[in-house]
Amino acid sequence: MSKRNQYEQTRTNIIILTYNKLEYTQTCIESIRRYTERGTYQIIIVDNCSTDGTREWLADQTDILTIFNEENVGFPKGCNQGIELTSSGDILLLNNDVLVTENWLALLQECLHSSPDIGAVGPTHNGEVSVNYNTADELWDFARSYNSNDSSKWEKRLKLIGFAMLIKRNVVEDIGLLDERFSPGNCEDTDYSFRIIQNGKKIIFCNNVFIHHYGSVSFGEMKETYTVLLEENRKKFVDKWGFHSYLDSATRHDLISLIDDRDHSEQFSVLDVGCGCGATLLQLRNLYPEAKLYGVERNPQAAAIAAEIANVTTADVEKLLYYPEQYFDYIFLGSVLEELMNPLETLIKLRKYLKIDGQIIASISNVMHYNVIHSLLDGNWTYSNTGPLSHNNLRFFTLSESVKLFNSSGFKSIQYFPVTRKVINEMEEWVNNIARATSVLEKEQMLATHYLFKVNNSSEYLFERRLIEISNGIDNEENLSYILEGMENNEINITILVSAISNMKVDKQGLFNYLARAFYRHGLFDDIIPLLNASLEIDNTHQLTLFNFAYILHQVGADQEALTFLNMMNEKDSESELLLASINSNLNISRV
């Protein structure tokens, strides 16, 4: 018996909740009757104490099973009442503000039962794809041409939205009913999606099935109530799961869009730092099935979900990581750098895992956004869940400071793209006045909520980055070996080296002296004096440079010259006094 015949033997239970809005319910039911094969479904409606004639209309419908509640029990409990009324067949949770279309249920069922690993599926809708219809007839025509038996349009997802969610019967039996702590509604569908994944099943978004969703009919007239309820339920979700229902499960399509044009079957490697539950990694898997995907996430609960998708490590990116050097083609940093204690050191460390000509793809919030400036001028610095003043942010960046951060990490090839929002009308004149009043602020920078960065690990600047790492005390021996090898192979000469250090924003004199001592130990004697001279050109009283000049001259027997440099030191420590004694001893012997 085929899988299709197996699931056609039992009817799909379509569970719809109603609370007033009779006209939406009627058109929804009409579309189901019109575009769903008779005998393949059973409509179950749970009415949450409607007062607009909905109950009377439902009572007259002979093909609908109805539960009439005497109070509004909310979405999760109402759905559970409908599920408990069933004993066989899959469960389809459907909002009453939906219009279904031709072949919708058959196509969803085709996907759901295409593999035993699939636990739930959902269709696309007018909020996901661009549509061009204005009337019901145009909608039906659009859907007729859109809906297709095309499995290449199936995508794995982390979660589905409960407005249209088809769930296998055995999954419901395994994981239970919707969690009623989220009543009257919001986050229960995300919670159920993660429970399905925890049960070892996949969630599929069917981009080959289109339905129309009006959206938020139940809460549409109570926007303030909806906002408060959403925040309350997100807190409940965090209490249950340990991570945020939206922020940790959002797909960063903006970062993915900055990947170079690549063939669908091409192999390349990506590290997503702060990957959350792995939504971005999952979308990368959909687009590039052969890609090698890795993630780092410090929240263990979120990392456990992401580990079902890719090779994910539970770790703090600012601490030790264990990856092969020059391994990744891309490293994603989606709103991560702002949350770090030391973003500069982390970038320098991450760079060694990046292939030559690999890319950092990042987003960084813009603290120069006009909302922040306006609030600051009013004496406020109020934190929020997202944006430049996120509760999680430890560092704050403007465009200029972001570019400096990448430059200081040794990156030179930097592209950036502002992400802006339209100024609200009452603020537009204020923004224009501020932009005119100062030469520092540019209006575009005031409109950008954040910037996307595409930063290339160009081989042209590799040795400069090694010098920066030495200056920052990172992997000194490894980086020194690279510099020494370049000098010995004539890939780097002393003129290039001195020029490069002179143009860097590092402790130039400290770096000149470190290299001078290292060159002495490795026998590169001809290159030592130019380094020390370059240091004295910056400051001819620099104590370490004077000492090193004296020390090296003493080692080659030039004690009189060594004494000259030593006498130029304003203060002598114990090491300098010992050197002075040794020089004077040699000079006294030579006079005798």
Protein backbone atom coordinates (compact mmCIF):
# COMPACT_ATOMS: atom_id res chain seq x y z
CA MET A 1 0.00 0.00 0.00
CA SER A 2 1.43 3.44 -0.95
CA LYS A 3 1.97 6.17 1.62
CA ARG A 4 -0.65 8.25 -0.14
CA ASN A 5 -3.27 5.52 0.14
CA GLN A 6 -2.36 5.05 3.79
CA TYR A 7 -3.10 8.61 4.77
CA GLU A 8 -6.13 8.92 2.51
CA GLN A 9 -7.85 6.17 4.50
CA THR A 10 -8.24 8.53 7.48
CA ARG A 11 -9.68 12.02 7.29
CA THR A 12 -7.70 15.12 8.20
CA ASN A 13 -9.17 16.87 11.20
CA ILE A 14 -9.34 20.60 10.40
CA ILE A 15 -9.61 22.40 13.75
CA ILE A 16 -10.74 26.04 13.64
CA LEU A 17 -11.31 28.38 16.58
CA THR A 18 -13.86 31.17 16.36
CA TYR A 19 -14.58 34.23 18.41
CA ASN A 20 -17.00 36.50 16.53
CA LYS A 21 -15.95 37.64 13.01
CA LEU A 22 -18.65 35.48 11.41
CA GLU A 23 -17.97 36.77 7.91
CA TYR A 24 -14.38 35.48 8.03
CA THR A 25 -15.51 32.09 9.33
CA GLN A 26 -18.11 31.75 6.59
CA THR A 27 -15.67 32.54 3.76
CA CYS A 28 -13.08 30.23 5.30
CA ILE A 29 -15.52 27.31 5.49
CA GLU A 30 -16.78 28.06 1.99
CA SER A 31 -13.23 27.88 0.60
CA ILE A 32 -12.61 24.54 2.37
CA ARG A 33 -15.79 23.05 0.95
CA ARG A 34 -14.98 24.36 -2.51
CA TYR A 35 -11.30 23.39 -2.77
CA THR A 36 -10.94 20.26 -0.62
CA GLU A 37 -11.94 16.81 -1.82
CA ARG A 38 -15.05 15.63 -0.06
CA GLY A 39 -14.50 12.76 2.35
CA THR A 40 -10.83 13.61 3.02
CA TYR A 41 -11.46 15.96 5.95
CA GLN A 42 -13.59 16.71 8.98
CA ILE A 43 -14.10 20.31 10.13
CA ILE A 44 -14.14 20.78 13.91
CA ILE A 45 -14.94 24.27 15.17
CA VAL A 46 -14.40 25.38 18.75
CA ASP A 47 -16.32 28.57 19.41
CA ASN A 48 -15.05 30.72 22.27
CA CYS A 49 -18.38 32.29 23.24
CA SER A 50 -19.08 34.41 20.15
CA THR A 51 -21.87 37.00 20.37
CA ASP A 52 -22.25 38.08 16.73
CA GLY A 53 -24.42 35.23 15.39
CA THR A 54 -21.51 32.84 14.84
CA ARG A 55 -22.93 30.25 17.25
CA GLU A 56 -26.33 30.30 15.58
CA TRP A 57 -24.80 29.92 12.12
CA LEU A 58 -22.58 27.03 13.25
CA ALA A 59 -25.55 25.25 14.80
CA ASP A 60 -27.15 25.05 11.35
CA GLN A 61 -24.08 23.48 9.67
CA THR A 62 -24.59 19.73 9.32
CA ASP A 63 -21.05 18.92 8.13
CA ILE A 64 -19.23 20.60 11.03
CA LEU A 65 -18.57 19.24 14.51
CA THR A 66 -18.82 22.13 16.95
CA ILE A 67 -17.84 22.73 20.56
CA PHE A 68 -19.61 25.71 22.12
CA ASN A 69 -17.62 27.16 25.05
CA GLU A 70 -19.35 29.34 27.62
CA GLU A 71 -16.23 31.48 27.95
CA ASN A 72 -13.24 32.42 25.81
CA VAL A 73 -10.68 29.76 26.76
CA GLY A 74 -8.05 31.06 24.32
CA PHE A 75 -6.30 29.46 21.35
CA PRO A 76 -4.17 26.68 22.93
CA LYS A 77 -6.95 25.26 25.12
CA GLY A 78 -9.51 25.59 22.34
CA CYS A 79 -7.26 23.72 19.92
CA ASN A 80 -6.72 21.03 22.54
CA GLN A 81 -10.49 20.63 22.92
CA GLY A 82 -10.75 20.05 19.19
CA ILE A 83 -7.85 17.58 19.13
CA GLU A 84 -9.32 15.61 22.03
CA LEU A 85 -12.51 15.19 20.00
CA THR A 86 -10.55 13.15 17.43
CA SER A 87 -9.35 9.55 17.60
CA SER A 88 -7.64 9.14 14.21
CA GLY A 89 -6.33 11.19 11.32
CA ASP A 90 -3.84 14.01 11.15
CA ILE A 91 -4.46 17.37 12.85
CA LEU A 92 -4.63 20.63 10.91
CA LEU A 93 -4.78 23.80 12.99
CA LEU A 94 -6.36 26.52 10.82
CA ASN A 95 -7.27 30.12 11.59
CA ASN A 96 -10.73 31.32 10.59
CA ASP A 97 -9.22 34.29 8.70
CA VAL A 98 -7.81 32.02 6.01
CA LEU A 99 -8.93 31.25 2.46
CA VAL A 100 -7.68 27.89 1.24
CA THR A 101 -7.06 27.17 -2.42
CA GLU A 102 -7.18 24.44 -5.03
CA ASN A 103 -5.38 21.19 -4.05
CA TRP A 104 -4.06 22.78 -0.85
CA LEU A 105 -4.72 19.86 1.50
CA ALA A 106 -3.65 17.11 -0.91
CA LEU A 107 -0.33 18.89 -1.53
CA LEU A 108 0.30 19.41 2.19
CA GLN A 109 -0.49 15.76 2.86
CA GLU A 110 1.83 14.72 0.04
CA CYS A 111 4.70 16.47 1.80
CA LEU A 112 3.76 15.38 5.33
CA HIS A 113 3.80 11.70 4.40
CA SER A 114 6.74 11.80 2.01
CA SER A 115 9.04 10.74 4.86
CA PRO A 116 8.60 9.24 8.33
CA ASP A 117 11.02 11.92 9.57
CA ILE A 118 8.57 14.74 8.85
CA GLY A 119 6.39 15.77 11.78
CA ALA A 120 4.54 18.87 10.56
CA VAL A 121 4.15 21.01 7.46
CA GLY A 122 2.71 24.41 6.58
CA PRO A 123 1.90 26.41 3.42
CA THR A 124 3.13 29.77 2.23
CA HIS A 125 0.82 32.78 2.14
CA ASN A 126 0.50 36.40 1.06
CA GLY A 127 2.74 37.53 3.92
CA GLU A 128 5.60 35.39 2.58
CA VAL A 129 5.36 35.88 -1.19
CA SER A 130 4.57 38.81 -3.47
CA VAL A 131 1.03 38.68 -4.82
CA ASN A 132 -0.74 40.59 -7.57
CA TYR A 133 -4.44 39.89 -6.97
CA ASN A 134 -7.16 42.29 -5.81
CA THR A 135 -10.33 40.19 -6.01
CA ALA A 136 -11.35 36.70 -4.91
CA ASP A 137 -11.38 35.44 -8.50
CA GLU A 138 -7.88 36.80 -9.06
CA LEU A 139 -6.80 35.06 -5.82
CA TRP A 140 -8.14 31.71 -7.03
CA ASP A 141 -6.40 32.16 -10.40
CA PHE A 142 -3.13 33.12 -8.71
CA ALA A 143 -3.24 30.08 -6.41
CA ARG A 144 -4.23 27.76 -9.26
CA SER A 145 -1.07 28.68 -11.15
CA TYR A 146 1.05 28.76 -7.99
CA ASN A 147 0.14 25.44 -6.37
CA SER A 148 2.16 22.58 -7.79
CA ASN A 149 3.37 19.09 -7.01
CA ASP A 150 6.98 20.28 -6.73
CA SER A 151 9.04 18.84 -3.87
CA SER A 152 12.00 21.09 -4.75
CA LYS A 153 10.03 23.91 -3.12
CA TRP A 154 9.92 22.19 0.26
CA GLU A 155 12.15 23.83 2.86
CA LYS A 156 13.12 22.69 6.34
CA ARG A 157 12.16 25.21 8.99
CA LEU A 158 12.63 25.64 12.73
CA LYS A 159 9.03 26.58 13.29
CA LEU A 160 5.65 27.02 11.66
CA ILE A 161 2.99 29.62 12.34
CA GLY A 162 -0.17 28.14 13.80
CA PHE A 163 -2.53 29.81 11.32
CA ALA A 164 -2.16 26.71 9.09
CA MET A 165 -0.19 23.83 10.58
CA LEU A 166 -0.68 20.19 9.54
CA ILE A 167 0.64 17.72 12.14
CA LYS A 168 0.93 13.94 11.92
CA ARG A 169 -1.32 12.00 14.27
CA ASN A 170 1.56 9.97 15.76
CA VAL A 171 3.48 13.18 16.55
CA VAL A 172 0.53 14.53 18.53
CA GLU A 173 0.30 11.20 20.33
CA ASP A 174 4.03 11.32 21.12
CA ILE A 175 4.45 14.90 22.32
CA GLY A 176 0.98 15.71 23.58
CA LEU A 177 -1.29 18.73 23.27
CA LEU A 178 -0.52 22.44 22.96
CA ASP A 179 0.89 24.03 26.12
CA GLU A 180 -1.96 25.95 27.71
CA ARG A 181 0.37 28.21 29.72
CA PHE A 182 0.45 30.33 26.55
CA SER A 183 -3.31 31.03 26.63
CA PRO A 184 -5.03 33.03 25.31
CA GLY A 185 -2.43 32.82 22.52
CA ASN A 186 1.04 33.62 21.10
CA CYS A 187 4.18 31.47 21.22
CA GLU A 188 2.25 28.19 21.52
CA ASP A 189 3.01 27.38 17.85
CA THR A 190 6.73 28.08 18.31
CA ASP A 191 6.72 25.95 21.45
CA TYR A 192 5.02 23.10 19.61
CA SER A 193 7.46 23.36 16.70
CA PHE A 194 10.46 22.98 19.01
CA ARG A 195 8.79 20.05 20.76
CA ILE A 196 8.42 18.37 17.36
CA ILE A 197 12.12 18.90 16.65
CA GLN A 198 13.01 17.59 20.09
CA ASN A 199 11.02 14.49 19.17
CA GLY A 200 13.41 13.92 16.27
CA LYS A 201 11.03 15.05 13.54
CA LYS A 202 11.47 17.65 10.81
CA ILE A 203 9.29 20.66 10.07
CA ILE A 204 8.71 21.52 6.42
CA PHE A 205 7.57 24.78 4.86
CA CYS A 206 5.72 23.99 1.63
CA ASN A 207 6.49 26.80 -0.74
CA ASN A 208 4.50 24.96 -3.42
CA VAL A 209 1.19 25.51 -1.59
CA PHE A 210 -0.39 28.96 -1.32
CA ILE A 211 -3.30 30.09 0.86
CA HIS A 212 -4.53 33.58 1.71
CA HIS A 213 -4.25 34.83 5.30
CA TYR A 214 -5.96 38.05 6.36
CA GLY A 215 -3.93 38.10 9.57
CA SER A 216 -4.55 38.81 13.28
CA VAL A 217 -8.33 39.01 13.05
CA SER A 218 -8.77 37.95 16.68
CA PHE A 219 -6.40 40.60 18.02
CA GLY A 220 -6.59 43.11 15.19
CA GLU A 221 -8.81 45.54 17.07
CA MET A 222 -6.84 45.16 20.32
CA LYS A 223 -3.29 46.02 19.27
CA GLU A 224 -2.18 47.23 22.70
CA THR A 225 -3.58 44.08 24.33
CA TYR A 226 -1.85 41.97 21.69
CA THR A 227 1.52 43.66 22.32
CA VAL A 228 1.28 43.17 26.08
CA LEU A 229 0.19 39.56 25.66
CA LEU A 230 3.02 38.86 23.21
CA GLU A 231 5.63 40.17 25.64
CA GLU A 232 4.13 38.20 28.53
CA ASN A 233 4.14 34.97 26.55
CA ARG A 234 7.66 35.55 25.29
CA LYS A 235 8.74 35.75 28.93
CA LYS A 236 6.90 32.50 29.61
CA PHE A 237 8.68 30.97 26.63
CA VAL A 238 12.08 32.06 27.97
CA ASP A 239 11.18 30.59 31.37
CA LYS A 240 10.35 27.27 29.71
CA TRP A 241 13.06 27.00 27.03
CA GLY A 242 15.84 29.30 28.23
CA PHE A 243 15.97 31.33 25.03
CA HIS A 244 13.88 33.95 23.21
CA SER A 245 11.07 32.68 20.98
CA TYR A 246 11.82 35.17 18.18
CA LEU A 247 15.35 36.55 18.55
CA ASP A 248 16.96 33.12 18.88
CA SER A 249 14.98 31.55 16.06
CA ALA A 250 15.07 34.29 13.42
CA THR A 251 16.62 33.62 10.01
CA ARG A 252 19.20 36.25 8.99
CA HIS A 253 18.26 36.45 5.32
CA ASP A 254 20.15 39.75 5.18
CA LEU A 255 23.44 38.04 6.01
CA ILE A 256 22.79 35.14 3.65
CA SER A 257 22.14 37.59 0.80
CA LEU A 258 25.75 38.86 1.05
CA ILE A 259 27.24 35.47 0.18
CA ASP A 260 28.87 35.56 -3.25
CA ASP A 261 26.97 33.98 -6.12
CA ARG A 262 27.55 30.27 -5.72
CA ASP A 263 26.21 27.18 -7.39
CA HIS A 264 23.50 25.33 -5.47
CA SER A 265 25.70 22.23 -5.28
CA GLU A 266 28.96 23.98 -4.37
CA GLN A 267 30.90 22.98 -1.27
CA PHE A 268 32.04 25.72 1.09
CA SER A 269 32.19 26.23 4.85
CA VAL A 270 30.33 28.67 7.10
CA LEU A 271 30.66 29.44 10.80
CA ASP A 272 27.66 31.23 12.33
CA VAL A 273 28.73 32.87 15.60
CA GLY A 274 25.79 33.36 17.95
CA CYS A 275 23.71 30.98 15.83
CA GLY A 276 20.84 30.74 18.33
CA CYS A 277 18.61 27.79 17.47
CA GLY A 278 20.14 27.52 14.01
CA ALA A 279 17.51 29.14 11.78
CA THR A 280 20.13 30.83 9.57
CA LEU A 281 22.14 27.61 9.32
CA LEU A 282 18.98 25.74 8.35
CA GLN A 283 18.23 28.19 5.55
CA LEU A 284 21.81 27.84 4.34
CA ARG A 285 21.25 24.08 4.29
CA ASN A 286 18.13 24.59 2.16
CA LEU A 287 20.03 26.78 -0.30
CA TYR A 288 23.37 24.96 -0.32
CA PRO A 289 22.90 21.28 0.60
CA GLU A 290 26.63 20.50 0.23
CA ALA A 291 27.87 23.36 2.44
CA LYS A 292 29.75 22.52 5.62
CA LEU A 293 27.90 24.32 8.37
CA TYR A 294 29.13 25.14 11.87
CA GLY A 295 27.77 27.22 14.70
CA VAL A 296 28.86 28.67 18.03
CA GLU A 297 26.18 29.43 20.61
CA ARG A 298 26.68 30.16 24.30
CA ASN A 299 23.10 29.34 25.30
CA PRO A 300 23.08 25.55 25.80
CA GLN A 301 19.33 25.17 25.28
CA ALA A 302 19.40 27.03 21.96
CA ALA A 303 22.58 25.20 20.93
CA ALA A 304 20.87 21.85 21.53
CA ILE A 305 18.18 22.76 18.97
CA ALA A 306 20.78 24.05 16.49
CA ALA A 307 22.82 20.85 16.88
CA GLU A 308 19.99 19.01 15.09
CA ILE A 309 20.88 21.09 12.02
CA ALA A 310 24.64 21.61 11.93
CA ASN A 311 27.90 21.02 13.79
CA VAL A 312 27.24 23.38 16.70
CA THR A 313 29.49 24.03 19.68
CA THR A 314 28.19 25.38 22.97
CA ALA A 315 30.85 27.97 23.76
CA ASP A 316 31.64 31.60 24.42
CA VAL A 317 33.29 32.95 21.27
CA GLU A 318 35.58 35.12 23.41
CA LYS A 319 37.13 32.00 24.88
CA LEU A 320 38.96 29.10 23.24
CA LEU A 321 37.61 27.72 19.96
CA TYR A 322 38.86 24.60 18.28
CA TYR A 323 38.69 24.84 14.51
CA PRO A 324 41.34 24.28 11.83
CA GLU A 325 43.11 27.48 10.81
CA GLN A 326 42.13 29.01 7.47
CA TYR A 327 39.11 26.70 7.26
CA PHE A 328 36.00 28.85 6.81
CA ASP A 329 34.91 30.63 3.65
CA TYR A 330 32.46 32.75 5.65
CA ILE A 331 32.07 33.70 9.29
CA PHE A 332 28.70 35.22 10.19
CA LEU A 333 28.48 37.73 13.06
CA GLY A 334 24.84 38.72 13.28
CA SER A 335 24.49 41.39 16.00
CA VAL A 336 27.27 39.70 17.97
CA LEU A 337 30.14 42.20 18.16
CA GLU A 338 28.07 44.62 20.26
CA GLU A 339 27.58 41.93 22.91
CA LEU A 340 31.27 41.13 23.45
CA MET A 341 33.61 42.31 26.18
CA ASN A 342 36.49 42.56 23.67
CA PRO A 343 35.25 42.62 20.07
CA LEU A 344 38.68 43.61 18.70
CA GLU A 345 40.48 40.65 20.24
CA THR A 346 37.68 38.32 19.13
CA LEU A 347 37.86 39.52 15.53
CA ILE A 348 41.62 39.05 15.48
CA LYS A 349 41.19 35.54 16.85
CA LEU A 350 38.40 34.62 14.42
CA ARG A 351 40.44 35.80 11.47
CA LYS A 352 42.92 32.95 11.82
CA TYR A 353 40.06 30.50 11.16
CA LEU A 354 39.11 32.38 7.98
CA LYS A 355 40.51 31.31 4.63
CA ILE A 356 42.64 33.75 2.70
CA ASP A 357 40.07 35.76 0.72
CA GLY A 358 37.34 34.40 3.01
CA GLN A 359 34.80 36.87 4.34
CA ILE A 360 33.35 38.13 7.60
CA ILE A 361 29.65 38.91 7.10
CA ALA A 362 28.33 40.95 10.00
CA SER A 363 25.59 43.24 11.19
CA ILE A 364 26.29 45.97 13.74
CA SER A 365 23.71 48.25 15.34
CA ASN A 366 24.12 51.98 14.76
CA VAL A 367 24.06 54.07 17.95
CA MET A 368 23.92 57.18 15.76
CA HIS A 369 20.32 56.42 14.75
CA TYR A 370 18.09 59.45 15.23
CA ASN A 371 15.92 57.72 17.83
CA VAL A 372 18.96 57.22 20.05
CA ILE A 373 20.18 60.80 19.57
CA HIS A 374 16.73 62.26 20.19
CA SER A 375 16.27 60.24 23.37
CA LEU A 376 19.76 61.13 24.56
CA LEU A 377 19.11 64.85 24.08
CA ASP A 378 15.98 64.36 26.19
CA GLY A 379 18.19 62.86 28.90
CA ASN A 380 17.23 59.25 28.25
CA TRP A 381 19.25 56.12 27.46
CA THR A 382 16.52 53.49 27.61
CA TYR A 383 17.37 49.90 26.82
CA SER A 384 15.13 47.61 24.77
CA ASN A 385 15.07 44.01 23.56
CA THR A 386 16.60 44.78 20.17
CA GLY A 387 18.42 47.52 18.29
CA PRO A 388 21.29 49.85 19.22
CA LEU A 389 20.27 49.91 22.89
CA SER A 390 19.61 46.21 23.31
CA HIS A 391 19.83 44.90 26.86
CA ASN A 392 22.55 42.52 25.63
CA ASN A 393 24.85 45.19 24.21
CA LEU A 394 28.12 45.88 26.00
CA ARG A 395 29.66 47.97 23.20
CA PHE A 396 28.16 50.71 21.03
CA PHE A 397 29.19 51.56 17.48
CA THR A 398 28.73 54.23 14.87
CA LEU A 399 29.65 53.56 11.24
CA SER A 400 33.06 55.15 11.76
CA GLU A 401 33.80 53.09 14.88
CA SER A 402 32.67 49.90 13.15
CA VAL A 403 35.08 50.50 10.28
CA LYS A 404 37.86 51.30 12.78
CA LEU A 405 37.16 48.00 14.53
CA PHE A 406 37.66 46.02 11.32
CA ASN A 407 40.72 48.07 10.35
CA SER A 408 42.29 47.55 13.76
CA SER A 409 41.73 43.82 13.34
CA GLY A 410 43.81 43.90 10.17
CA PHE A 411 40.99 43.98 7.61
CA LYS A 412 41.33 46.52 4.80
CA SER A 413 38.73 45.44 2.23
CA ILE A 414 35.49 46.55 3.87
CA GLN A 415 32.08 47.01 2.23
CA TYR A 416 29.12 48.28 4.22
CA PHE A 417 25.42 48.65 3.53
CA PRO A 418 23.09 50.85 5.64
CA VAL A 419 19.73 49.41 6.65
CA THR A 420 17.33 52.31 7.08
CA ARG A 421 13.76 52.95 8.07
CA LYS A 422 11.60 55.80 6.92
CA VAL A 423 11.54 58.70 9.37
CA ILE A 424 8.19 59.10 11.09
CA ASN A 425 6.55 62.35 9.96
CA GLU A 426 6.83 64.29 13.23
CA MET A 427 10.57 63.58 13.41
CA GLU A 428 11.55 64.43 9.85
CA GLU A 429 12.06 68.17 10.42
CA TRP A 430 14.07 67.47 13.60
CA VAL A 431 16.37 65.05 11.73
CA ASN A 432 16.90 67.58 8.92
CA ASN A 433 17.76 70.32 11.43
CA ILE A 434 20.30 68.15 13.22
CA ALA A 435 21.85 67.09 9.91
CA ARG A 436 22.19 70.77 8.85
CA ALA A 437 23.51 71.90 12.22
CA THR A 438 26.66 69.78 12.28
CA SER A 439 29.29 68.78 9.78
CA VAL A 440 29.92 65.55 11.71
CA LEU A 441 26.49 63.97 11.39
CA GLU A 442 25.34 62.78 8.01
CA LYS A 443 21.63 62.31 7.56
CA GLU A 444 22.04 58.81 6.09
CA GLN A 445 23.88 57.73 9.22
CA MET A 446 21.05 59.03 11.35
CA LEU A 447 18.53 56.95 9.41
CA ALA A 448 20.44 53.65 9.59
CA THR A 449 19.27 51.32 12.34
CA HIS A 450 22.25 49.08 11.62
CA TYR A 451 24.88 48.32 9.01
CA LEU A 452 25.68 45.13 7.16
CA PHE A 453 29.37 44.50 6.55
CA LYS A 454 31.14 42.30 4.03
CA VAL A 455 34.80 42.18 5.01
CA ASN A 456 37.36 40.36 2.88
CA ASN A 457 40.35 38.57 4.37
CA SER A 458 42.56 39.75 1.53
CA SER A 459 45.95 38.03 1.16
CA GLU A 460 47.41 41.42 0.23
CA TYR A 461 47.34 42.51 3.90
CA LEU A 462 48.14 39.19 5.56
CA PHE A 463 51.55 40.12 6.94
CA GLU A 464 50.13 43.40 8.32
CA ARG A 465 47.52 41.42 10.21
CA ARG A 466 50.29 39.22 11.62
CA LEU A 467 52.02 42.34 12.91
CA ILE A 468 48.81 43.54 14.55
CA GLU A 469 48.43 40.20 16.30
CA ILE A 470 52.03 40.42 17.57
CA SER A 471 51.31 43.92 18.87
CA ASN A 472 48.24 42.60 20.67
CA GLY A 473 50.16 39.68 22.16
CA ILE A 474 48.27 37.03 20.18
CA ASP A 475 50.10 33.90 18.93
CA ASN A 476 53.42 35.80 18.94
CA GLU A 477 55.63 32.84 18.10
CA GLU A 478 53.46 31.66 15.22
CA ASN A 479 53.15 35.15 13.77
CA LEU A 480 56.84 35.88 14.27
CA SER A 481 57.70 32.71 12.36
CA TYR A 482 55.59 33.97 9.46
CA ILE A 483 57.42 37.33 9.45
CA LEU A 484 60.86 35.70 9.72
CA GLU A 485 60.09 33.29 6.88
CA GLY A 486 58.95 36.18 4.71
CA MET A 487 62.16 38.08 5.43
CA GLU A 488 64.36 35.07 4.69
CA ASN A 489 62.50 34.34 1.44
CA ASN A 490 62.65 38.01 0.38
CA GLU A 491 58.84 38.17 0.30
CA ILE A 492 59.10 40.97 2.89
CA ASN A 493 62.01 43.41 3.18
CA ILE A 494 62.93 45.79 5.97
CA THR A 495 61.72 48.86 4.06
CA ILE A 496 58.25 47.36 3.58
CA LEU A 497 58.20 46.21 7.19
CA VAL A 498 59.11 49.62 8.66
CA SER A 499 56.65 51.39 6.35
CA ALA A 500 53.82 49.03 7.25
CA ILE A 501 54.35 49.43 11.02
CA SER A 502 54.66 53.22 10.66
CA ASN A 503 51.18 53.37 9.13
CA MET A 504 49.48 51.11 11.66
CA LYS A 505 47.40 52.13 14.66
CA VAL A 506 49.46 50.04 17.10
CA ASP A 507 52.17 50.59 19.69
CA LYS A 508 54.75 51.24 16.98
CA GLN A 509 57.77 51.59 19.26
CA GLY A 510 56.85 48.47 21.22
CA LEU A 511 56.53 46.50 17.96
CA PHE A 512 59.81 47.87 16.52
CA ASN A 513 61.65 46.83 19.67
CA TYR A 514 60.03 43.39 19.86
CA LEU A 515 61.08 42.65 16.29
CA ALA A 516 64.59 44.04 16.80
CA ARG A 517 65.23 41.64 19.69
CA ALA A 518 63.66 38.76 17.74
CA PHE A 519 65.76 39.50 14.65
CA TYR A 520 68.88 39.54 16.82
CA ARG A 521 68.04 36.10 18.22
CA HIS A 522 67.50 34.72 14.72
CA GLY A 523 70.60 36.29 13.19
CA LEU A 524 68.96 38.94 10.98
CA PHE A 525 71.57 41.49 12.07
CA ASP A 526 71.33 43.79 9.03
CA ASP A 527 67.67 44.49 9.72
CA ILE A 528 67.93 45.44 13.40
CA ILE A 529 69.31 49.00 13.17
CA PRO A 530 66.56 50.22 10.75
CA LEU A 531 63.92 49.03 13.23
CA LEU A 532 65.51 50.83 16.18
CA ASN A 533 66.16 53.97 14.12
CA ALA A 534 62.48 54.02 13.12
CA SER A 535 61.55 53.85 16.79
CA LEU A 536 63.85 56.75 17.74
CA GLU A 537 62.37 58.85 14.93
CA ILE A 538 59.06 58.65 16.81
CA ASP A 539 60.61 59.48 20.21
CA ASN A 540 64.39 59.80 20.64
CA THR A 541 64.08 59.47 24.43
CA HIS A 542 62.23 56.14 24.30
CA GLN A 543 63.87 54.17 27.10
CA LEU A 544 63.37 50.64 25.73
CA THR A 545 64.76 51.60 22.32
CA LEU A 546 67.86 53.22 23.87
CA PHE A 547 68.44 50.14 26.02
CA ASN A 548 68.05 47.75 23.06
CA PHE A 549 70.42 49.84 20.94
CA ALA A 550 73.00 49.69 23.75
CA TYR A 551 72.44 45.98 24.36
CA ILE A 552 72.82 44.92 20.72
CA LEU A 553 75.87 47.17 20.13
CA HIS A 554 77.45 45.74 23.27
CA GLN A 555 76.83 42.19 22.00
CA VAL A 556 78.73 42.92 18.76
CA GLY A 557 81.61 44.62 20.61
CA ALA A 558 80.72 48.26 19.86
CA ASP A 559 80.88 49.26 23.54
CA GLN A 560 81.71 52.95 23.06
CA GLU A 561 78.65 53.40 20.85
CA ALA A 562 76.61 51.30 23.28
CA LEU A 563 77.66 53.57 26.14
CA THR A 564 76.45 56.62 24.21
CA PHE A 565 72.92 55.22 23.95
CA LEU A 566 72.92 53.99 27.52
CA ASN A 567 73.92 57.43 28.82
CA MET A 568 70.95 58.95 26.97
CA MET A 569 68.52 57.07 29.24
CA ASN A 570 66.92 59.29 31.89
CA GLU A 571 66.38 56.50 34.38
CA LYS A 572 68.19 53.18 34.60
CA ASP A 573 66.64 50.04 36.08
CA SER A 574 68.61 47.09 37.44
CA GLU A 575 68.99 45.54 33.99
CA SER A 576 70.38 48.80 32.60
CA GLU A 577 72.84 49.11 35.51
CA LEU A 578 74.10 45.59 34.85
CA LEU A 579 74.58 46.39 31.19
CA LEU A 580 76.39 49.63 32.07
CA ALA A 581 78.75 47.74 34.39
CA SER A 582 79.52 45.19 31.69
CA ILE A 583 80.20 47.91 29.11
CA ASN A 584 82.46 49.88 31.49
CA SER A 585 84.34 46.70 32.36
CA ASN A 586 85.05 46.01 28.70
CA LEU A 587 86.11 49.60 28.08
CA ASN A 588 88.48 49.59 31.10
CA ILE A 589 90.07 46.35 29.96
CA SER A 590 90.56 47.71 26.46
CA ARG A 591 92.27 50.86 27.86
CA VAL A 592 94.68 48.73 29.88
